């Protein structure tokens, strides 16, 4: 019989363990402040040419602003690809859990922002009490054009602490 047995050997065979789980969790948590910073300093700065379509009002179908999350998704796919096929370098093994954390944030963001707040598809109920503070904070951002740069954090979304 070759190889090791016991909990240590099992942990090495798991796709997500230890450092991978930490990279996943840190990335998921870091995406909200990163997204808020991109929104504030790029979307409401040099990227306004794209982001403006989102503030102009409801649009049936795609809007120019959709280029921003599409670019983020493309970058995440590249991280997944390199994390899976670029295994020759030690750092590349962390790219898969990093990409998975970014994906979890992106899916959560899309569900709350696009499907619930903006009702881009009628897949979620129109009124969910615990999601209403997110909607109120985002609507305030649209009215004022500033503040509430994030979408999920209590501090940036105006949720009670």
Protein backbone atom coordinates (compact mmCIF):
# COMPACT_ATOMS: atom_id res chain seq x y z
CA UNK A 1 0.00 0.00 0.00
CA UNK A 2 1.43 3.36 -1.00
CA UNK A 3 0.51 6.87 0.03
CA UNK A 4 -0.67 8.26 3.30
CA UNK A 5 -3.83 7.62 5.20
CA UNK A 6 -5.67 9.62 7.81
CA UNK A 7 -7.11 13.13 7.90
CA UNK A 8 -4.04 14.81 6.44
CA UNK A 9 -4.07 12.67 3.30
CA UNK A 10 -7.80 13.22 2.88
CA UNK A 11 -7.44 17.00 3.17
CA UNK A 12 -4.87 17.02 0.39
CA UNK A 13 -7.30 15.32 -1.97
CA UNK A 14 -10.12 17.77 -1.35
CA UNK A 15 -10.46 20.47 -4.04
CA UNK A 16 -11.05 23.22 -1.45
CA UNK A 17 -9.20 23.10 1.82
CA UNK A 18 -7.07 25.31 4.03
CA UNK A 19 -5.48 28.04 1.96
CA UNK A 20 -7.99 27.54 -0.87
CA UNK A 21 -10.94 28.09 1.47
CA UNK A 22 -9.26 31.17 2.90
CA UNK A 23 -8.61 32.59 -0.60
CA UNK A 24 -12.27 31.94 -1.49
CA UNK A 25 -13.59 33.63 1.67
CA UNK A 26 -11.26 36.63 1.48
CA UNK A 27 -12.06 37.19 -2.19
CA UNK A 28 -15.80 36.95 -1.61
CA UNK A 29 -15.57 39.49 1.23
CA UNK A 30 -13.21 41.80 -0.68
CA UNK A 31 -15.46 42.02 -3.73
CA UNK A 32 -17.95 44.42 -2.12
CA UNK A 33 -15.44 47.18 -1.30
CA UNK A 34 -13.70 46.56 -4.65
CA UNK A 35 -17.02 46.79 -6.50
CA UNK A 36 -17.94 49.95 -4.57
CA UNK A 37 -14.59 51.54 -5.46
CA UNK A 38 -14.93 50.63 -9.14
CA UNK A 39 -18.47 52.02 -9.13
CA UNK A 40 -17.44 55.27 -7.46
CA UNK A 41 -14.10 56.02 -9.10
CA UNK A 42 -14.55 54.42 -12.52
CA UNK A 43 -18.31 54.19 -13.10
CA UNK A 44 -18.88 57.74 -11.92
CA UNK A 45 -15.57 58.89 -13.40
CA UNK A 46 -13.96 57.86 -16.69
CA UNK A 47 -16.42 54.97 -17.11
CA UNK A 48 -19.46 57.28 -16.98
CA UNK A 49 -19.79 56.89 -20.74
CA UNK A 50 -20.83 53.28 -20.03
CA UNK A 51 -22.42 53.61 -16.59
CA UNK A 52 -24.64 56.55 -17.51
CA UNK A 53 -27.07 54.22 -19.30
CA UNK A 54 -27.80 52.64 -15.92
CA UNK A 55 -28.80 56.00 -14.42
CA UNK A 56 -30.84 57.12 -17.43
CA UNK A 57 -33.78 54.96 -16.39
CA UNK A 58 -35.21 51.55 -17.11
CA UNK A 59 -34.21 49.98 -20.40
CA UNK A 60 -35.90 47.01 -22.00
CA UNK A 61 -33.07 44.62 -22.69
CA UNK A 62 -29.32 45.15 -22.48
CA UNK A 63 -27.83 48.54 -21.63
CA UNK A 64 -24.36 49.91 -22.31
CA UNK A 65 -23.56 49.59 -18.59
CA UNK A 66 -23.73 45.79 -19.00
CA UNK A 67 -20.24 45.95 -20.52
CA UNK A 68 -18.86 46.50 -16.97
CA UNK A 69 -20.12 43.25 -15.37
CA UNK A 70 -19.43 41.39 -18.64
CA UNK A 71 -15.78 42.49 -18.46
CA UNK A 72 -15.63 41.38 -14.82
CA UNK A 73 -17.13 38.01 -15.75
CA UNK A 74 -14.60 37.59 -18.59
CA UNK A 75 -11.74 38.33 -16.19
CA UNK A 76 -13.15 35.76 -13.75
CA UNK A 77 -13.38 33.13 -16.50
CA UNK A 78 -9.72 33.84 -17.34
CA UNK A 79 -8.82 33.31 -13.65
CA UNK A 80 -10.68 30.00 -13.64
CA UNK A 81 -8.95 28.91 -16.85
CA UNK A 82 -5.47 29.81 -15.69
CA UNK A 83 -6.16 28.34 -12.26
CA UNK A 84 -7.08 25.04 -13.88
CA UNK A 85 -4.58 24.83 -16.73
CA UNK A 86 -1.73 26.98 -15.47
CA UNK A 87 -0.84 24.60 -12.68
CA UNK A 88 2.90 24.83 -13.38
CA UNK A 89 3.20 27.77 -10.99
CA UNK A 90 2.37 27.56 -7.30
CA UNK A 91 0.42 30.85 -7.26
CA UNK A 92 -1.87 29.67 -10.06
CA UNK A 93 -3.51 27.08 -7.79
CA UNK A 94 -5.10 29.92 -5.80
CA UNK A 95 -6.72 31.41 -8.88
CA UNK A 96 -9.55 28.86 -8.91
CA UNK A 97 -10.80 29.62 -5.37
CA UNK A 98 -10.27 33.35 -6.03
CA UNK A 99 -12.38 33.08 -9.18
CA UNK A 100 -15.00 31.06 -7.27
CA UNK A 101 -15.21 33.81 -4.60
CA UNK A 102 -15.61 36.49 -7.28
CA UNK A 103 -18.30 34.35 -8.91
CA UNK A 104 -20.25 33.96 -5.65
CA UNK A 105 -20.18 37.74 -5.19
CA UNK A 106 -21.18 38.32 -8.82
CA UNK A 107 -24.14 35.97 -8.62
CA UNK A 108 -25.29 37.54 -5.34
CA UNK A 109 -24.90 41.03 -6.82
CA UNK A 110 -26.84 40.08 -9.95
CA UNK A 111 -29.67 38.53 -7.92
CA UNK A 112 -30.07 41.57 -5.66
CA UNK A 113 -29.21 44.41 -8.03
CA UNK A 114 -30.41 43.26 -11.44
CA UNK A 115 -33.19 40.82 -10.62
CA UNK A 116 -34.63 42.27 -7.41
CA UNK A 117 -33.93 46.01 -7.38
CA UNK A 118 -34.16 46.75 -11.11
CA UNK A 119 -36.52 43.86 -12.00
CA UNK A 120 -34.63 43.15 -15.22
CA UNK A 121 -36.27 39.73 -15.23
CA UNK A 122 -39.32 38.89 -13.16
CA UNK A 123 -37.77 35.86 -11.49
CA UNK A 124 -37.96 37.09 -7.89
CA UNK A 125 -40.96 38.36 -5.93
CA UNK A 126 -41.55 42.11 -6.27
CA UNK A 127 -41.39 42.66 -2.51
CA UNK A 128 -39.12 40.83 -0.05
CA UNK A 129 -38.99 42.73 3.25
CA UNK A 130 -35.36 41.94 4.13
CA UNK A 131 -34.24 43.08 0.64
CA UNK A 132 -36.08 46.41 0.77
CA UNK A 133 -33.24 48.32 2.53
CA UNK A 134 -30.96 47.41 -0.39
CA UNK A 135 -33.56 48.78 -2.82
CA UNK A 136 -34.06 51.98 -0.79
CA UNK A 137 -30.30 52.67 -0.62
CA UNK A 138 -29.88 52.01 -4.34
CA UNK A 139 -32.82 54.21 -5.27
CA UNK A 140 -31.33 57.00 -3.12
CA UNK A 141 -28.07 56.60 -5.08
CA UNK A 142 -29.96 56.93 -8.36
CA UNK A 143 -31.82 60.03 -7.16
CA UNK A 144 -28.74 61.73 -5.72
CA UNK A 145 -26.11 60.39 -8.13
CA UNK A 146 -23.67 59.80 -5.27
CA UNK A 147 -23.28 57.77 -2.07
CA UNK A 148 -24.26 54.14 -1.48
CA UNK A 149 -21.55 52.99 -3.87
CA UNK A 150 -21.80 49.35 -2.79
CA UNK A 151 -24.83 47.11 -2.98
CA UNK A 152 -24.43 44.47 -0.27
CA UNK A 153 -22.73 45.98 2.76
CA UNK A 154 -24.85 47.38 5.56
CA UNK A 155 -22.74 50.51 5.82
CA UNK A 156 -22.93 51.35 2.12
CA UNK A 157 -26.50 50.17 1.61
CA UNK A 158 -28.04 52.06 4.51
CA UNK A 159 -29.04 48.89 6.36
CA UNK A 160 -29.53 49.21 10.10
CA UNK A 161 -26.61 47.92 12.14
